[in-house]
N, C-alpha and C. Protein backbone atom coordinates (compact mmCIF):
# COMPACT_ATOMS: atom_id res chain seq x y z
N UNK A 1 -15.00 -15.42 4.16
CA UNK A 1 -15.58 -14.51 4.04
C UNK A 1 -14.83 -12.95 3.79
N UNK A 2 -15.02 -12.34 2.93
CA UNK A 2 -14.25 -11.12 2.49
C UNK A 2 -14.59 -9.67 3.19
N UNK A 3 -13.96 -9.22 3.92
CA UNK A 3 -14.33 -8.02 5.06
C UNK A 3 -14.11 -7.11 4.00
N UNK A 4 -15.16 -6.13 4.30
CA UNK A 4 -15.30 -4.66 3.45
C UNK A 4 -14.36 -3.60 3.64
N UNK A 5 -13.96 -2.95 2.81
CA UNK A 5 -12.72 -1.71 3.19
C UNK A 5 -13.62 -0.79 3.93
N UNK A 6 -12.54 -0.16 4.58
CA UNK A 6 -12.92 0.61 5.37
C UNK A 6 -13.14 2.02 4.61
N UNK A 7 -13.83 2.85 5.13
CA UNK A 7 -13.95 4.53 4.23
C UNK A 7 -12.71 4.86 4.29
N UNK A 8 -12.19 5.47 2.80
CA UNK A 8 -10.93 6.11 2.77
C UNK A 8 -11.06 7.57 3.86
N UNK A 9 -9.92 7.63 4.28
CA UNK A 9 -9.94 8.88 5.03
C UNK A 9 -9.68 10.17 4.70
N UNK A 10 -10.30 11.38 5.08
CA UNK A 10 -10.41 12.71 4.40
C UNK A 10 -8.73 13.41 4.18
N UNK A 11 -7.79 12.99 5.08
CA UNK A 11 -6.37 12.96 5.23
C UNK A 11 -5.69 11.80 5.72
N UNK A 12 -4.74 11.47 4.68
CA UNK A 12 -3.77 10.41 5.20
C UNK A 12 -2.75 10.53 6.81
N UNK A 13 -2.94 9.95 7.35
CA UNK A 13 -1.96 9.72 8.43
C UNK A 13 -0.50 9.51 8.03
N UNK A 14 0.47 9.72 8.81
CA UNK A 14 1.74 9.62 8.59
C UNK A 14 2.08 8.05 8.48
N UNK A 15 1.33 7.49 9.29
CA UNK A 15 1.81 6.52 9.26
C UNK A 15 0.67 5.07 8.88
N UNK A 16 1.03 4.54 7.98
CA UNK A 16 -0.09 3.65 7.55
C UNK A 16 -0.20 2.41 7.75
N UNK A 17 -1.58 1.44 8.23
CA UNK A 17 -1.37 0.00 8.16
C UNK A 17 -1.66 -0.34 6.61
N UNK A 18 -1.40 -1.76 6.93
CA UNK A 18 -1.27 -2.39 5.77
C UNK A 18 -2.51 -2.02 4.69
N UNK A 19 -3.55 -2.16 5.22
CA UNK A 19 -4.98 -2.01 4.79
C UNK A 19 -4.98 -0.41 4.40
N UNK A 20 -4.22 0.53 4.95
CA UNK A 20 -4.50 2.23 4.61
C UNK A 20 -3.80 2.36 3.36
N UNK A 21 -2.44 1.52 3.34
CA UNK A 21 -1.45 1.57 2.41
C UNK A 21 -2.36 1.17 1.29
N UNK A 22 -2.80 -0.37 1.23
CA UNK A 22 -3.46 -0.66 -0.09
C UNK A 22 -4.81 0.35 -0.82
N UNK A 23 -5.31 0.94 0.05
CA UNK A 23 -6.11 1.74 -0.28
C UNK A 23 -5.23 3.20 -0.70
N UNK A 24 -4.05 3.60 -0.06
CA UNK A 24 -3.28 4.86 -0.67
C UNK A 24 -2.82 4.63 -2.25
N UNK A 25 -2.62 3.09 -2.38
CA UNK A 25 -1.59 2.82 -3.61
C UNK A 25 -3.12 2.41 -4.32
N UNK A 26 -4.17 2.71 -3.87
CA UNK A 26 -5.71 2.37 -4.99
C UNK A 26 -5.96 0.79 -5.25
N UNK A 27 -5.20 -0.11 -4.11
CA UNK A 27 -5.20 -1.43 -4.51
C UNK A 27 -6.54 -1.97 -4.38
N UNK A 28 -7.58 -0.89 -3.65
CA UNK A 28 -8.83 -1.22 -3.06
C UNK A 28 -10.05 -1.38 -4.26
N UNK A 29 -9.48 -0.37 -5.57
CA UNK A 29 -9.98 -0.62 -6.67
C UNK A 29 -10.56 -1.74 -7.50
N UNK A 30 -9.12 -2.24 -7.30
CA UNK A 30 -9.36 -4.00 -7.95
C UNK A 30 -9.20 -4.77 -7.54
N UNK A 31 -9.00 -4.93 -6.08
CA UNK A 31 -9.19 -6.19 -5.29
C UNK A 31 -9.93 -5.93 -3.90
N UNK A 32 -10.03 -7.07 -3.43
CA UNK A 32 -10.73 -7.04 -2.00
C UNK A 32 -9.41 -7.06 -0.74
N UNK A 33 -10.13 -7.11 0.12
CA UNK A 33 -8.74 -6.50 1.34
C UNK A 33 -7.57 -8.14 1.19
N UNK A 34 -7.99 -9.06 1.59
CA UNK A 34 -7.14 -10.15 1.33
C UNK A 34 -6.26 -9.93 -0.01
N UNK A 35 -6.86 -9.85 -1.09
CA UNK A 35 -6.19 -9.71 -2.07
C UNK A 35 -5.12 -8.58 -2.14
N UNK A 36 -5.68 -7.84 -1.91
CA UNK A 36 -5.00 -6.37 -1.84
C UNK A 36 -3.62 -6.38 -0.60
N UNK A 37 -3.58 -7.30 0.43
CA UNK A 37 -2.41 -7.49 1.08
C UNK A 37 -1.47 -8.00 0.84
N UNK A 38 -1.77 -9.59 0.05
CA UNK A 38 -0.99 -10.02 -0.30
C UNK A 38 -0.65 -9.51 -1.90
N UNK A 39 -1.07 -8.57 -2.44
CA UNK A 39 -0.71 -7.49 -3.56
C UNK A 39 0.61 -6.42 -2.90
N UNK A 40 -0.02 -6.48 -1.93
CA UNK A 40 1.19 -5.32 -1.20
C UNK A 40 2.35 -5.96 -0.65
N UNK A 41 2.41 -7.18 -0.36
CA UNK A 41 3.30 -8.18 -0.02
C UNK A 41 4.26 -8.19 -0.85
N UNK A 42 3.50 -8.47 -2.30
CA UNK A 42 4.39 -8.60 -3.62
C UNK A 42 4.75 -7.54 -4.19
N UNK A 43 4.68 -6.29 -3.97
CA UNK A 43 4.77 -5.26 -4.59
C UNK A 43 6.29 -5.06 -3.50
N UNK A 44 6.09 -5.19 -2.15
CA UNK A 44 7.35 -4.94 -1.21
C UNK A 44 8.54 -5.75 -1.74
N UNK A 45 8.12 -6.85 -2.03
CA UNK A 45 9.14 -8.08 -1.97
C UNK A 45 10.09 -7.85 -3.31
N UNK A 46 9.04 -7.38 -4.62
CA UNK A 46 9.32 -7.52 -5.83
C UNK A 46 9.81 -6.21 -6.58
N UNK A 47 9.27 -5.20 -5.85
CA UNK A 47 9.53 -3.67 -6.50
C UNK A 47 10.00 -2.64 -5.12
N UNK A 48 10.33 -3.32 -4.35
CA UNK A 48 10.88 -2.17 -3.31
C UNK A 48 10.37 -1.41 -2.34
N UNK A 49 8.76 -1.70 -2.22
CA UNK A 49 8.13 -0.75 -1.89
C UNK A 49 8.50 -0.78 -0.13
N UNK A 50 8.77 0.38 0.21
CA UNK A 50 9.30 0.60 1.56
C UNK A 50 8.32 0.08 2.62
N UNK A 51 8.80 -0.64 3.74
CA UNK A 51 7.66 -0.75 4.72
C UNK A 51 8.47 -0.22 6.16
N UNK A 52 7.90 0.47 7.09
CA UNK A 52 8.43 0.80 8.25
C UNK A 52 8.75 0.14 9.32
N UNK A 53 7.96 -1.22 9.32
CA UNK A 53 8.22 -2.24 10.14
C UNK A 53 6.89 -3.00 10.71
N UNK A 54 6.97 -3.66 11.68
CA UNK A 54 5.59 -4.60 12.01
C UNK A 54 5.48 -4.32 13.58
N UNK A 55 4.36 -3.97 13.86
CA UNK A 55 3.72 -3.71 15.44
C UNK A 55 2.38 -4.80 15.55
N UNK A 56 2.71 -5.72 16.23
CA UNK A 56 1.90 -6.99 16.50
C UNK A 56 0.98 -7.58 15.23
N UNK A 57 2.10 -7.93 14.78
CA UNK A 57 2.09 -8.90 13.47
C UNK A 57 1.45 -7.82 11.96
N UNK A 58 1.21 -6.64 12.26
CA UNK A 58 0.68 -5.69 11.17
C UNK A 58 1.81 -4.90 10.71
N UNK A 59 2.11 -5.07 9.09
CA UNK A 59 3.04 -4.19 8.54
C UNK A 59 2.64 -2.54 8.78
N UNK A 60 3.75 -1.68 8.90
CA UNK A 60 3.21 -0.47 8.81
C UNK A 60 4.24 0.26 7.75
N UNK A 61 3.74 1.60 7.18
CA UNK A 61 4.38 1.91 5.99
C UNK A 61 4.09 3.22 6.24
N UNK A 62 5.44 4.19 6.03
CA UNK A 62 5.43 5.65 6.10
C UNK A 62 4.60 6.18 4.83
N UNK A 63 3.85 7.10 4.74
CA UNK A 63 3.06 7.70 3.37
C UNK A 63 4.34 8.65 3.02
N UNK A 64 5.03 9.29 3.71
CA UNK A 64 6.32 9.78 2.53
C UNK A 64 6.94 9.28 2.23
N UNK A 65 7.17 7.75 2.83
CA UNK A 65 8.22 6.59 1.89
C UNK A 65 7.68 6.49 0.68
N UNK A 66 6.46 5.96 1.15
CA UNK A 66 5.60 5.54 -0.55
C UNK A 66 5.67 6.53 -1.31
N UNK A 67 5.39 7.71 -1.00
CA UNK A 67 5.20 9.04 -1.84
C UNK A 67 6.75 8.89 -2.73
N UNK A 68 7.84 9.06 -2.01
CA UNK A 68 9.20 8.96 -2.48
C UNK A 68 9.58 7.80 -3.35
N UNK A 69 8.95 6.67 -3.33
CA UNK A 69 8.99 5.35 -3.87
C UNK A 69 8.41 5.58 -5.08
N UNK A 70 6.92 5.94 -5.10
CA UNK A 70 6.23 6.33 -6.37
C UNK A 70 7.10 7.68 -7.17
N UNK A 71 7.33 8.49 -6.73
CA UNK A 71 8.56 9.33 -7.37
C UNK A 71 9.70 8.72 -8.21
N UNK A 72 10.33 7.99 -7.33
CA UNK A 72 11.18 7.35 -8.41
C UNK A 72 11.05 6.29 -9.17
N UNK A 73 9.83 5.75 -9.32
CA UNK A 73 9.33 5.29 -10.15
C UNK A 73 8.46 5.53 -11.55
N UNK A 74 8.68 6.70 -11.56
CA UNK A 74 7.78 7.66 -12.26
C UNK A 74 9.02 7.64 -13.80
N UNK A 75 8.12 7.36 -15.15
CA UNK A 75 8.85 7.25 -16.02
C UNK A 75 9.26 5.87 -16.23
N UNK A 76 9.63 4.73 -15.43
CA UNK A 76 9.57 3.64 -15.67
C UNK A 76 8.95 2.62 -16.33
N UNK A 77 7.73 3.21 -16.34
CA UNK A 77 6.72 2.34 -16.43
C UNK A 77 6.52 2.42 -17.91
N UNK A 78 6.20 1.06 -19.24
CA UNK A 78 6.17 1.47 -20.44
C UNK A 78 4.96 1.15 -20.67
N UNK A 79 4.32 2.58 -21.93
CA UNK A 79 3.31 2.35 -22.48
C UNK A 79 2.58 0.98 -22.87
N UNK A 80 1.75 0.73 -22.65
CA UNK A 80 1.23 -0.93 -22.89
C UNK A 80 0.23 -0.69 -23.67
């Protein structure tokens, strides 16, 4: 059974869960939750998305680190 996405927050907290990080990166627009979590792990491993660590088995992400990661990737994507 696929869980439904939670509502997006009005303002993003400084520390994001894996689900919030997936929403922050807009993975919820094309993936279900489980698929988005897998995509997030893949992006982390293959493209260097920074992870703050793990608490209780759940990955946590710093919003500022995600923003910096996105800035460093600007201009690296080829037009398709």
